[in-house]
């Protein structure tokens, strides 16, 4: 018995055991980082070369050493294996070793090692995809919950009791929820992803309120330092890039065959907002031209509604109030038109709820009644569905129009909500669909995808979609939506100049720093204050 006890103590107090364990687990983290964003199982099938499908044997899966022995190439196809794999394995091993040196052979490692692994996964996935899979955030919830339960029976697993754990979670959710709310009010768009909110909230179970606040401050400081230079460069370039999109839109507009006055006004209204934001005085001439058309023609409700928002965007309240009076409340398509317009990319007016409230505030009495009675339906949004359900639902669609509607609606929903695996599947459906459909449908899909990517600051993916769109526009009839997408991209660039910021990785670093050194840093800070005051 004594021999077994001594063996146990030796095993769990040997630093190299933790290094090896960490590197082995790092191999599993590579699987998680690759498969989770793609909606694949982390359990099966076995690890294989992503290029040739060769199932990796156990002797080719030894952390770091196998990669070195194979000289960074697949045994079968001889194509390169990314150096990212051994680096992650080594980093995971060093993190595990560092935690062992910090805590010693302590039960605390049961909480802090999984915490570090999960935060590392979140960091890597968020950098790659700009989203945090819900599974990783719920892993944090599980770690925090286990820590609370262990604390009830074994003292000092966490430095706080269960009440402070819950306060920590509330603090984490509260901080980022307030930022989201302010972003909605000021910028009319989400200033913080939902994944970041869950990340800080669930980590708060381990940290408590004080260290959760410190983690946010650390993460924000690191993010600002990392982000400030590219953001400043982008600010200098924003008008130049907006001008490039505007020039392209005008070039293609010259060859655009407009089928109606309403189509023409859609383009003119968009240009009106764009010229106003370019501080181009010609917007006044265009505004007068639009006014003359509005007075002389009977317009569709959807055109009137779009112009209403364009007038608001250029701060022309008088014309906004006048044009909304022209809405035909007896038209059977009115509610459908309202729902379409308040859901569109009307730059500066992107919140469906806010757009509805603006219409309600400015509408005539009869229109107000109609909007109020149908509020629930107008504000009803698509529900998030996951990979398997998407496949199941898409397979039941028969007509081309149903498939196009499904692709466009869910592309936007998943892209703007950070559901990477789901959005990737929708993109795959779109690419397959484009191969066989007519030019008009292909342009509708590509122009929507390109701008939705652009609006969410996925500039590389947006550029690729626009390049495919340009090819179609050169050899086929140019569609109105294609030109509108280019004008929208120009307008969006004028309004927003930032690159997409993956805040999760910086927040994850801040969380780990706070968990390990937060109390020491706070004590050091107060000692410095005492010295200054005394």
Protein backbone atom coordinates (compact mmCIF):
# COMPACT_ATOMS: atom_id res chain seq x y z
CA UNK A 1 0.00 0.00 0.00
CA UNK A 2 2.83 2.38 0.87
CA UNK A 3 4.46 1.67 -2.48
CA UNK A 4 1.22 2.52 -4.32
CA UNK A 5 0.84 5.75 -2.33
CA UNK A 6 4.44 6.76 -3.01
CA UNK A 7 4.00 5.98 -6.72
CA UNK A 8 0.81 8.09 -6.79
CA UNK A 9 2.51 11.04 -5.06
CA UNK A 10 5.57 10.78 -7.31
CA UNK A 11 3.41 10.65 -10.44
CA UNK A 12 1.35 13.72 -9.55
CA UNK A 13 4.32 15.74 -8.32
CA UNK A 14 6.55 15.19 -11.38
CA UNK A 15 6.69 18.21 -13.68
CA UNK A 16 7.33 16.17 -16.83
CA UNK A 17 4.05 14.28 -16.32
CA UNK A 18 2.16 17.57 -16.65
CA UNK A 19 4.18 18.61 -19.69
CA UNK A 20 3.47 15.29 -21.45
CA UNK A 21 -0.20 15.30 -20.42
CA UNK A 22 -0.59 18.85 -21.74
CA UNK A 23 1.01 18.02 -25.08
CA UNK A 24 -1.19 14.92 -25.48
CA UNK A 25 -4.27 16.97 -24.68
CA UNK A 26 -3.00 19.65 -27.07
CA UNK A 27 -3.40 17.08 -29.85
CA UNK A 28 -7.06 16.76 -28.89
CA UNK A 29 -7.44 20.56 -28.79
CA UNK A 30 -6.26 20.63 -32.42
CA UNK A 31 -9.23 18.38 -33.26
CA UNK A 32 -11.60 20.67 -31.35
CA UNK A 33 -10.29 23.85 -33.03
CA UNK A 34 -10.64 22.31 -36.50
CA UNK A 35 -13.91 20.41 -36.14
CA UNK A 36 -16.16 22.46 -33.84
CA UNK A 37 -16.42 25.54 -36.15
CA UNK A 38 -17.23 23.17 -39.04
CA UNK A 39 -20.04 21.47 -37.15
CA UNK A 40 -18.21 18.13 -37.01
CA UNK A 41 -18.05 15.60 -34.18
CA UNK A 42 -14.93 15.72 -32.01
CA UNK A 43 -15.28 11.99 -31.29
CA UNK A 44 -15.57 10.41 -34.73
CA UNK A 45 -14.32 9.76 -37.32
CA UNK A 46 -10.66 9.25 -36.28
CA UNK A 47 -8.12 11.97 -37.10
CA UNK A 48 -7.22 12.04 -40.78
CA UNK A 49 -5.22 14.15 -43.22
CA UNK A 50 -7.60 16.96 -44.33
CA UNK A 51 -6.09 16.82 -47.84
CA UNK A 52 -6.05 13.13 -48.77
CA UNK A 53 -8.22 11.60 -46.02
CA UNK A 54 -5.48 9.21 -44.81
CA UNK A 55 -6.41 7.99 -41.31
CA UNK A 56 -3.54 8.94 -39.00
CA UNK A 57 -1.96 5.99 -37.14
CA UNK A 58 -1.16 6.28 -33.45
CA UNK A 59 2.59 6.43 -34.12
CA UNK A 60 2.04 9.43 -36.43
CA UNK A 61 0.00 11.18 -33.77
CA UNK A 62 2.64 11.58 -31.06
CA UNK A 63 2.59 15.27 -30.08
CA UNK A 64 5.32 17.40 -31.68
CA UNK A 65 7.66 14.40 -32.27
CA UNK A 66 5.57 12.86 -35.08
CA UNK A 67 5.45 16.19 -36.91
CA UNK A 68 9.24 16.53 -36.64
CA UNK A 69 9.82 12.91 -37.67
CA UNK A 70 7.55 13.26 -40.72
CA UNK A 71 9.18 16.64 -41.53
CA UNK A 72 5.82 18.35 -41.46
CA UNK A 73 4.29 16.22 -44.24
CA UNK A 74 1.52 13.62 -44.49
CA UNK A 75 2.92 10.07 -44.60
CA UNK A 76 0.70 9.19 -47.58
CA UNK A 77 0.19 12.26 -49.84
CA UNK A 78 3.40 14.07 -48.74
CA UNK A 79 1.53 17.39 -48.67
CA UNK A 80 2.48 19.84 -45.87
CA UNK A 81 0.92 19.55 -42.41
CA UNK A 82 0.46 22.98 -40.83
CA UNK A 83 3.04 23.93 -38.20
CA UNK A 84 0.06 25.16 -36.19
CA UNK A 85 -0.54 21.60 -34.90
CA UNK A 86 2.80 21.06 -33.08
CA UNK A 87 2.79 24.69 -31.87
CA UNK A 88 -0.62 24.24 -30.19
CA UNK A 89 0.54 20.93 -28.68
CA UNK A 90 3.66 22.58 -27.28
CA UNK A 91 1.77 25.63 -25.99
CA UNK A 92 -0.79 23.39 -24.26
CA UNK A 93 2.03 21.42 -22.65
CA UNK A 94 3.75 24.59 -21.42
CA UNK A 95 0.46 26.02 -20.08
CA UNK A 96 -0.16 22.80 -18.14
CA UNK A 97 3.39 22.84 -16.80
CA UNK A 98 3.07 26.51 -15.84
CA UNK A 99 -0.14 25.83 -13.91
CA UNK A 100 1.56 22.94 -12.09
CA UNK A 101 4.43 25.22 -11.03
CA UNK A 102 1.92 27.91 -9.98
CA UNK A 103 -0.45 25.72 -7.90
CA UNK A 104 1.70 22.66 -7.19
CA UNK A 105 0.07 19.18 -7.15
CA UNK A 106 -3.20 20.72 -5.99
CA UNK A 107 -6.87 19.86 -6.50
CA UNK A 108 -7.22 23.38 -7.91
CA UNK A 109 -5.70 22.03 -11.13
CA UNK A 110 -8.96 20.11 -11.70
CA UNK A 111 -10.58 23.51 -12.38
CA UNK A 112 -7.78 25.69 -13.71
CA UNK A 113 -6.32 23.27 -16.29
CA UNK A 114 -9.70 22.74 -18.06
CA UNK A 115 -10.33 26.51 -17.76
CA UNK A 116 -7.02 27.27 -19.50
CA UNK A 117 -7.64 24.65 -22.22
CA UNK A 118 -11.13 25.99 -22.96
CA UNK A 119 -9.90 29.60 -23.09
CA UNK A 120 -7.10 28.53 -25.45
CA UNK A 121 -9.65 26.86 -27.75
CA UNK A 122 -11.86 29.95 -27.68
CA UNK A 123 -8.86 32.15 -28.51
CA UNK A 124 -7.86 30.04 -31.53
CA UNK A 125 -11.40 29.55 -32.87
CA UNK A 126 -12.36 33.22 -32.44
CA UNK A 127 -9.21 34.40 -34.23
CA UNK A 128 -10.02 32.07 -37.14
CA UNK A 129 -13.78 32.53 -37.40
CA UNK A 130 -14.68 35.69 -35.43
CA UNK A 131 -17.16 33.64 -33.43
CA UNK A 132 -17.22 31.55 -30.27
CA UNK A 133 -19.06 28.21 -30.59
CA UNK A 134 -21.77 27.86 -27.95
CA UNK A 135 -20.33 24.44 -26.98
CA UNK A 136 -17.08 26.01 -25.75
CA UNK A 137 -18.93 28.63 -23.71
CA UNK A 138 -21.10 25.96 -22.11
CA UNK A 139 -17.90 24.08 -21.25
CA UNK A 140 -16.97 27.17 -19.20
CA UNK A 141 -20.37 26.97 -17.51
CA UNK A 142 -19.68 23.32 -16.62
CA UNK A 143 -16.21 24.17 -15.24
CA UNK A 144 -17.61 26.99 -13.10
CA UNK A 145 -20.45 24.80 -11.82
CA UNK A 146 -18.05 21.97 -10.89
CA UNK A 147 -15.85 24.51 -9.09
CA UNK A 148 -18.82 25.77 -7.04
CA UNK A 149 -19.85 22.21 -6.11
CA UNK A 150 -16.28 21.23 -5.16
CA UNK A 151 -16.00 24.38 -3.06
CA UNK A 152 -19.01 23.25 -0.99
CA UNK A 153 -17.20 20.06 0.03
CA UNK A 154 -13.50 20.93 -0.34
CA UNK A 155 -12.34 24.36 0.80
CA UNK A 156 -10.24 26.73 -1.33
CA UNK A 157 -10.81 25.15 -4.76
CA UNK A 158 -12.07 28.58 -5.82
CA UNK A 159 -11.06 31.74 -3.93
CA UNK A 160 -14.74 32.74 -3.56
CA UNK A 161 -17.96 31.20 -2.23
CA UNK A 162 -21.01 30.28 -4.34
CA UNK A 163 -22.70 33.65 -3.82
CA UNK A 164 -19.70 35.56 -5.19
CA UNK A 165 -19.52 33.09 -8.09
CA UNK A 166 -23.07 33.98 -9.08
CA UNK A 167 -22.33 37.70 -8.64
CA UNK A 168 -19.28 37.22 -10.89
CA UNK A 169 -21.48 35.71 -13.60
CA UNK A 170 -23.99 38.57 -13.28
CA UNK A 171 -21.13 41.09 -13.47
CA UNK A 172 -19.74 39.50 -16.64
CA UNK A 173 -23.12 39.35 -18.37
CA UNK A 174 -24.04 42.82 -17.14
CA UNK A 175 -20.90 44.60 -18.41
CA UNK A 176 -21.17 43.27 -21.96
CA UNK A 177 -24.96 43.53 -22.09
CA UNK A 178 -24.67 47.25 -21.32
CA UNK A 179 -22.06 47.63 -24.07
CA UNK A 180 -24.38 45.83 -26.50
CA UNK A 181 -27.23 48.13 -25.51
CA UNK A 182 -25.16 51.31 -25.92
CA UNK A 183 -23.89 50.04 -29.30
CA UNK A 184 -27.47 49.51 -30.46
CA UNK A 185 -28.47 53.02 -29.39
CA UNK A 186 -25.44 54.90 -30.75
CA UNK A 187 -24.25 52.85 -33.74
CA UNK A 188 -27.51 51.05 -34.62
CA UNK A 189 -25.65 47.72 -34.61
CA UNK A 190 -24.24 45.18 -32.18
CA UNK A 191 -21.08 46.49 -30.51
CA UNK A 192 -20.35 43.11 -28.92
CA UNK A 193 -20.95 39.53 -30.00
CA UNK A 194 -23.20 37.22 -28.00
CA UNK A 195 -20.34 34.73 -27.66
CA UNK A 196 -18.23 37.32 -25.81
CA UNK A 197 -21.11 37.95 -23.42
CA UNK A 198 -21.35 34.26 -22.49
CA UNK A 199 -17.55 34.00 -22.30
CA UNK A 200 -17.23 36.68 -19.63
CA UNK A 201 -20.47 35.70 -17.88
CA UNK A 202 -19.63 32.00 -17.43
CA UNK A 203 -16.00 32.78 -16.55
CA UNK A 204 -17.37 35.03 -13.81
CA UNK A 205 -18.40 31.86 -11.94
CA UNK A 206 -14.71 31.13 -11.37
CA UNK A 207 -13.54 34.73 -10.95
CA UNK A 208 -16.16 36.50 -8.85
CA UNK A 209 -17.27 40.12 -9.48
CA UNK A 210 -13.98 41.88 -8.66
CA UNK A 211 -11.78 39.73 -10.91
CA UNK A 212 -14.43 39.61 -13.66
CA UNK A 213 -14.31 43.40 -13.86
CA UNK A 214 -10.49 43.23 -13.91
CA UNK A 215 -10.59 40.57 -16.67
CA UNK A 216 -12.72 42.88 -18.79
CA UNK A 217 -10.30 45.76 -18.20
CA UNK A 218 -7.29 43.59 -19.09
CA UNK A 219 -8.98 42.23 -22.23
CA UNK A 220 -10.06 45.70 -23.34
CA UNK A 221 -6.59 47.17 -22.79
CA UNK A 222 -4.86 44.40 -24.75
CA UNK A 223 -7.49 44.68 -27.52
CA UNK A 224 -7.12 48.47 -27.79
CA UNK A 225 -3.32 48.22 -28.02
CA UNK A 226 -3.55 45.47 -30.67
CA UNK A 227 -6.35 47.15 -32.61
CA UNK A 228 -5.49 50.85 -32.56
CA UNK A 229 -2.87 50.90 -35.34
CA UNK A 230 -4.85 48.96 -38.02
CA UNK A 231 -7.99 50.86 -37.03
CA UNK A 232 -6.25 54.23 -37.49
CA UNK A 233 -4.85 53.15 -40.88
CA UNK A 234 -8.32 52.02 -41.91
CA UNK A 235 -9.80 55.34 -40.83
CA UNK A 236 -7.41 57.11 -43.20
CA UNK A 237 -8.39 54.77 -46.03
CA UNK A 238 -12.15 54.72 -45.47
CA UNK A 239 -13.08 57.52 -47.92
CA UNK A 240 -10.76 56.14 -50.61
CA UNK A 241 -12.31 52.67 -50.31
CA UNK A 242 -15.83 54.14 -50.27
CA UNK A 243 -14.99 56.08 -53.44
CA UNK A 244 -13.77 52.91 -55.17
CA UNK A 245 -17.09 51.15 -54.51
CA UNK A 246 -19.03 54.26 -55.58
CA UNK A 247 -17.10 54.49 -58.87
CA UNK A 248 -17.75 50.82 -59.61
CA UNK A 249 -21.46 51.21 -58.81
CA UNK A 250 -21.75 54.23 -61.13
CA UNK A 251 -19.90 52.37 -63.89
CA UNK A 252 -22.32 49.44 -63.74
CA UNK A 253 -25.35 51.69 -63.22
CA UNK A 254 -24.67 53.25 -66.63
CA UNK A 255 -25.47 49.85 -68.21
CA UNK A 256 -28.38 49.06 -65.90
CA UNK A 257 -31.75 48.52 -67.58
CA UNK A 258 -34.34 49.79 -65.11
CA UNK A 259 -37.80 48.33 -65.57
CA UNK A 260 -39.82 50.90 -63.64
CA UNK A 261 -39.86 54.28 -61.92
CA UNK A 262 -39.81 52.43 -58.58
CA UNK A 263 -36.54 50.64 -59.43
CA UNK A 264 -35.06 53.97 -60.52
CA UNK A 265 -36.09 55.63 -57.24
CA UNK A 266 -34.56 52.80 -55.20
CA UNK A 267 -31.19 53.58 -56.78
CA UNK A 268 -31.67 57.36 -56.58
CA UNK A 269 -32.65 57.20 -52.90
CA UNK A 270 -29.55 55.17 -52.09
CA UNK A 271 -27.36 57.58 -54.06
CA UNK A 272 -29.00 60.51 -52.26
CA UNK A 273 -27.87 59.14 -48.89
CA UNK A 274 -24.42 58.35 -50.25
CA UNK A 275 -23.85 61.82 -51.79
CA UNK A 276 -25.02 63.43 -48.55
CA UNK A 277 -22.43 61.45 -46.60
CA UNK A 278 -19.75 62.32 -49.16
CA UNK A 279 -20.65 66.00 -48.51
CA UNK A 280 -21.29 66.28 -52.25
CA UNK A 281 -23.48 69.32 -52.95
CA UNK A 282 -25.04 67.53 -55.94
CA UNK A 283 -27.20 65.63 -53.44
CA UNK A 284 -29.48 68.73 -53.30
CA UNK A 285 -30.11 68.53 -57.05
CA UNK A 286 -30.81 64.81 -56.76
CA UNK A 287 -33.20 65.46 -53.85
CA UNK A 288 -35.17 67.93 -55.99
CA UNK A 289 -35.24 65.42 -58.86
CA UNK A 290 -36.60 62.71 -56.54
CA UNK A 291 -39.19 65.18 -55.22
CA UNK A 292 -40.43 65.93 -58.76
CA UNK A 293 -40.81 62.20 -59.53
CA UNK A 294 -42.65 61.58 -56.25
CA UNK A 295 -45.14 64.38 -57.07
CA UNK A 296 -45.81 63.21 -60.62
CA UNK A 297 -45.93 59.41 -60.30
CA UNK A 298 -47.93 56.87 -58.32
CA UNK A 299 -45.35 54.82 -56.43
CA UNK A 300 -45.39 51.40 -54.81
CA UNK A 301 -45.57 51.34 -51.02
CA UNK A 302 -42.17 49.64 -50.80
CA UNK A 303 -40.55 52.53 -52.69
CA UNK A 304 -42.24 55.11 -50.45
CA UNK A 305 -41.07 53.28 -47.32
CA UNK A 306 -37.47 53.10 -48.54
CA UNK A 307 -37.44 56.80 -49.42
CA UNK A 308 -38.82 57.60 -45.96
CA UNK A 309 -35.72 56.07 -44.37
CA UNK A 310 -33.40 57.74 -46.91
CA UNK A 311 -34.85 61.14 -46.03
CA UNK A 312 -34.39 60.44 -42.33
CA UNK A 313 -30.77 59.43 -43.00
CA UNK A 314 -30.01 62.82 -44.60
CA UNK A 315 -31.86 64.59 -41.76
CA UNK A 316 -34.62 65.82 -44.09
CA UNK A 317 -37.49 65.44 -41.62
CA UNK A 318 -39.93 67.51 -43.69
CA UNK A 319 -39.76 65.26 -46.77
CA UNK A 320 -39.75 62.14 -44.56
CA UNK A 321 -43.02 63.24 -42.94
CA UNK A 322 -44.54 64.19 -46.29
CA UNK A 323 -43.69 61.01 -48.17
CA UNK A 324 -44.95 58.66 -45.45
CA UNK A 325 -48.39 60.23 -45.97
CA UNK A 326 -48.44 58.69 -49.48
CA UNK A 327 -48.56 55.11 -48.16
CA UNK A 328 -51.65 53.27 -49.45
CA UNK A 329 -52.96 51.50 -46.34
CA UNK A 330 -55.56 49.59 -48.39
CA UNK A 331 -52.93 47.77 -50.43
CA UNK A 332 -52.91 44.04 -49.59
CA UNK A 333 -49.11 43.86 -49.83
CA UNK A 334 -48.45 46.73 -47.41
CA UNK A 335 -47.52 44.60 -44.37
CA UNK A 336 -45.26 42.41 -46.50
CA UNK A 337 -43.56 45.57 -47.82
CA UNK A 338 -43.15 46.98 -44.29
CA UNK A 339 -41.53 43.75 -43.10
CA UNK A 340 -39.17 43.72 -46.10
CA UNK A 341 -38.04 47.33 -45.68
CA UNK A 342 -37.51 47.35 -41.90
CA UNK A 343 -35.38 44.20 -42.32
CA UNK A 344 -33.19 45.62 -45.12
CA UNK A 345 -29.70 47.08 -44.99
CA UNK A 346 -30.75 50.69 -44.65
CA UNK A 347 -27.37 51.95 -43.47
CA UNK A 348 -27.86 53.83 -40.23
CA UNK A 349 -31.25 52.19 -39.66
CA UNK A 350 -30.49 48.51 -39.19
CA UNK A 351 -32.51 47.57 -36.11
CA UNK A 352 -35.83 45.99 -37.10
CA UNK A 353 -37.44 47.07 -33.83
CA UNK A 354 -36.12 50.66 -34.10
CA UNK A 355 -37.22 50.91 -37.75
CA UNK A 356 -40.70 49.74 -36.79
CA UNK A 357 -40.88 52.36 -34.00
CA UNK A 358 -39.82 55.11 -36.44
CA UNK A 359 -42.56 54.13 -38.87
CA UNK A 360 -45.11 53.96 -36.06
CA UNK A 361 -44.14 57.41 -34.78
CA UNK A 362 -44.45 59.07 -38.22
CA UNK A 363 -47.40 57.10 -39.66
CA UNK A 364 -50.91 58.43 -40.26
CA UNK A 365 -53.61 57.26 -37.85
CA UNK A 366 -54.87 54.45 -40.10
CA UNK A 367 -51.34 53.23 -40.80
CA UNK A 368 -50.56 53.39 -37.05
CA UNK A 369 -53.49 51.12 -36.27
CA UNK A 370 -52.38 48.62 -38.93
CA UNK A 371 -48.79 48.61 -37.63
CA UNK A 372 -49.89 48.19 -34.01
CA UNK A 373 -52.28 45.35 -34.79
CA UNK A 374 -49.57 43.46 -36.71
CA UNK A 375 -46.58 44.31 -34.51
CA UNK A 376 -45.89 40.73 -33.45
CA UNK A 377 -45.80 39.44 -37.03
CA UNK A 378 -43.74 42.38 -38.31
CA UNK A 379 -41.08 41.94 -35.64
CA UNK A 380 -41.01 38.16 -35.85
CA UNK A 381 -37.52 37.07 -36.84
CA UNK A 382 -36.05 33.81 -38.12
CA UNK A 383 -35.17 31.29 -35.44
CA UNK A 384 -31.65 29.93 -35.18
CA UNK A 385 -31.48 26.33 -36.40
CA UNK A 386 -28.40 24.13 -36.33
CA UNK A 387 -26.50 22.11 -38.93
CA UNK A 388 -28.60 18.92 -38.93
CA UNK A 389 -31.87 20.85 -38.97
CA UNK A 390 -30.61 23.02 -41.85
CA UNK A 391 -29.84 19.92 -43.91
CA UNK A 392 -33.23 18.43 -43.06
CA UNK A 393 -35.14 21.62 -43.88
CA UNK A 394 -33.22 22.38 -47.09
CA UNK A 395 -33.86 18.85 -48.41
CA UNK A 396 -37.63 19.44 -48.19
CA UNK A 397 -37.56 22.58 -50.38
CA UNK A 398 -38.70 21.90 -53.94
CA UNK A 399 -38.86 25.17 -55.86
CA UNK A 400 -35.96 27.40 -56.85
CA UNK A 401 -37.55 30.45 -55.22
CA UNK A 402 -37.90 28.61 -51.88
CA UNK A 403 -34.24 27.57 -51.96
CA UNK A 404 -33.04 31.07 -52.85
CA UNK A 405 -35.15 32.61 -50.07
CA UNK A 406 -33.82 30.05 -47.58
CA UNK A 407 -30.19 30.65 -48.59
CA UNK A 408 -30.43 34.45 -48.46
CA UNK A 409 -32.38 34.62 -45.20
CA UNK A 410 -30.18 32.21 -43.28
CA UNK A 411 -26.92 33.52 -44.75
CA UNK A 412 -27.70 36.87 -43.21
CA UNK A 413 -28.96 35.41 -39.93
CA UNK A 414 -25.96 33.16 -39.29
CA UNK A 415 -23.34 35.59 -40.57
CA UNK A 416 -24.48 38.44 -38.35
CA UNK A 417 -24.94 36.18 -35.30
CA UNK A 418 -21.61 34.37 -35.48
CA UNK A 419 -22.86 30.82 -36.14
CA UNK A 420 -19.84 29.72 -38.15
CA UNK A 421 -20.60 26.06 -38.94
CA UNK A 422 -24.20 26.87 -39.87
CA UNK A 423 -23.24 29.84 -42.04
CA UNK A 424 -20.54 27.81 -43.78
CA UNK A 425 -23.14 25.18 -44.72
CA UNK A 426 -25.45 27.87 -46.12
CA UNK A 427 -22.50 29.25 -48.15
CA UNK A 428 -21.86 25.77 -49.55
CA UNK A 429 -25.52 25.50 -50.60
CA UNK A 430 -25.25 28.92 -52.23
CA UNK A 431 -22.13 27.99 -54.21
CA UNK A 432 -23.72 24.76 -55.45
CA UNK A 433 -26.93 26.59 -56.35
CA UNK A 434 -25.10 29.31 -58.30
CA UNK A 435 -23.53 26.71 -60.64
CA UNK A 436 -26.88 25.76 -62.16
CA UNK A 437 -29.12 28.81 -61.80
CA UNK A 438 -29.65 31.72 -64.21
CA UNK A 439 -27.60 34.93 -64.02
CA UNK A 440 -30.36 36.94 -62.35
CA UNK A 441 -30.67 34.50 -59.45
CA UNK A 442 -26.88 34.10 -59.17
CA UNK A 443 -26.44 37.89 -58.96
CA UNK A 444 -29.14 38.10 -56.28
CA UNK A 445 -27.32 35.51 -54.16
CA UNK A 446 -23.81 36.87 -54.71
CA UNK A 447 -24.72 40.53 -54.16
CA UNK A 448 -26.45 39.62 -50.89
CA UNK A 449 -23.64 37.36 -49.68
CA UNK A 450 -20.94 39.85 -50.64
CA UNK A 451 -22.50 42.72 -48.75
CA UNK A 452 -23.49 40.70 -45.69
CA UNK A 453 -19.87 39.55 -45.42
CA UNK A 454 -18.72 43.14 -45.90
CA UNK A 455 -21.13 44.45 -43.32
CA UNK A 456 -19.76 42.02 -40.76
CA UNK A 457 -16.17 43.04 -41.65
CA UNK A 458 -15.27 39.76 -43.36
CA UNK A 459 -13.47 41.73 -46.08
CA UNK A 460 -11.59 38.79 -47.62
CA UNK A 461 -14.74 36.68 -48.08
CA UNK A 462 -16.66 39.73 -49.30
CA UNK A 463 -13.99 40.50 -51.89
CA UNK A 464 -14.14 36.93 -53.22
CA UNK A 465 -17.94 37.13 -53.55
CA UNK A 466 -17.77 40.53 -55.28
CA UNK A 467 -15.18 39.21 -57.74
CA UNK A 468 -17.58 36.41 -58.73
CA UNK A 469 -20.34 39.00 -59.01
CA UNK A 470 -18.23 41.22 -61.32
CA UNK A 471 -17.65 38.29 -63.68
CA UNK A 472 -21.41 37.75 -63.97
CA UNK A 473 -22.08 41.48 -64.44
CA UNK A 474 -19.57 41.71 -67.30
CA UNK A 475 -21.16 38.98 -69.40
CA UNK A 476 -24.86 39.20 -68.45
CA UNK A 477 -27.65 41.72 -67.93
CA UNK A 478 -26.84 43.78 -64.84
CA UNK A 479 -29.42 43.46 -62.05
CA UNK A 480 -30.55 46.33 -59.81
CA UNK A 481 -29.62 44.48 -56.60
CA UNK A 482 -26.02 44.08 -57.82
CA UNK A 483 -25.62 47.85 -58.22
CA UNK A 484 -27.41 48.51 -54.92
CA UNK A 485 -24.98 46.16 -53.16
CA UNK A 486 -22.01 48.19 -54.43
CA UNK A 487 -23.62 51.49 -53.42
CA UNK A 488 -24.41 50.01 -50.01
CA UNK A 489 -20.78 48.90 -49.57
CA UNK A 490 -19.64 52.45 -50.35
CA UNK A 491 -22.16 53.93 -47.93
CA UNK A 492 -21.25 51.42 -45.23
CA UNK A 493 -17.56 52.28 -45.57
CA UNK A 494 -18.35 55.96 -45.05
CA UNK A 495 -20.29 55.16 -41.88
CA UNK A 496 -17.92 52.53 -40.47
CA UNK A 497 -14.17 52.26 -40.82
CA UNK A 498 -13.21 49.50 -38.40
CA UNK A 499 -11.73 46.14 -39.20
CA UNK A 500 -13.52 43.24 -37.56
CA UNK A 501 -12.24 42.76 -34.01
CA UNK A 502 -12.25 39.32 -32.45
CA UNK A 503 -12.61 40.46 -28.82
CA UNK A 504 -12.89 36.91 -27.45
CA UNK A 505 -9.14 36.10 -27.59
CA UNK A 506 -8.20 39.28 -25.72
CA UNK A 507 -10.97 38.65 -23.21
CA UNK A 508 -9.77 35.06 -22.74
CA UNK A 509 -6.25 36.31 -22.01
CA UNK A 510 -7.67 38.85 -19.54
CA UNK A 511 -9.69 36.10 -17.81
CA UNK A 512 -6.65 33.85 -17.34
CA UNK A 513 -4.45 36.74 -16.16
CA UNK A 514 -7.11 37.76 -13.62
CA UNK A 515 -7.61 34.19 -12.40
CA UNK A 516 -3.90 33.77 -11.68
CA UNK A 517 -2.61 37.24 -10.83
CA UNK A 518 -5.69 39.43 -10.33
CA UNK A 519 -5.56 39.69 -6.54
CA UNK A 520 -1.80 40.33 -6.59
CA UNK A 521 -2.19 43.10 -9.18
CA UNK A 522 -5.03 44.74 -7.22
CA UNK A 523 -3.02 44.62 -3.97
CA UNK A 524 0.03 46.07 -5.75
CA UNK A 525 -2.12 48.86 -7.19
CA UNK A 526 -3.51 49.83 -3.78
CA UNK A 527 -0.02 49.80 -2.25
CA UNK A 528 1.11 52.20 -4.98
CA UNK A 529 -1.87 54.44 -4.21
CA UNK A 530 -1.01 54.42 -0.51
CA UNK A 531 2.58 55.45 -1.26
CA UNK A 532 1.41 58.28 -3.53
CA UNK A 533 -1.16 59.58 -1.01
CA UNK A 534 1.20 59.30 2.00
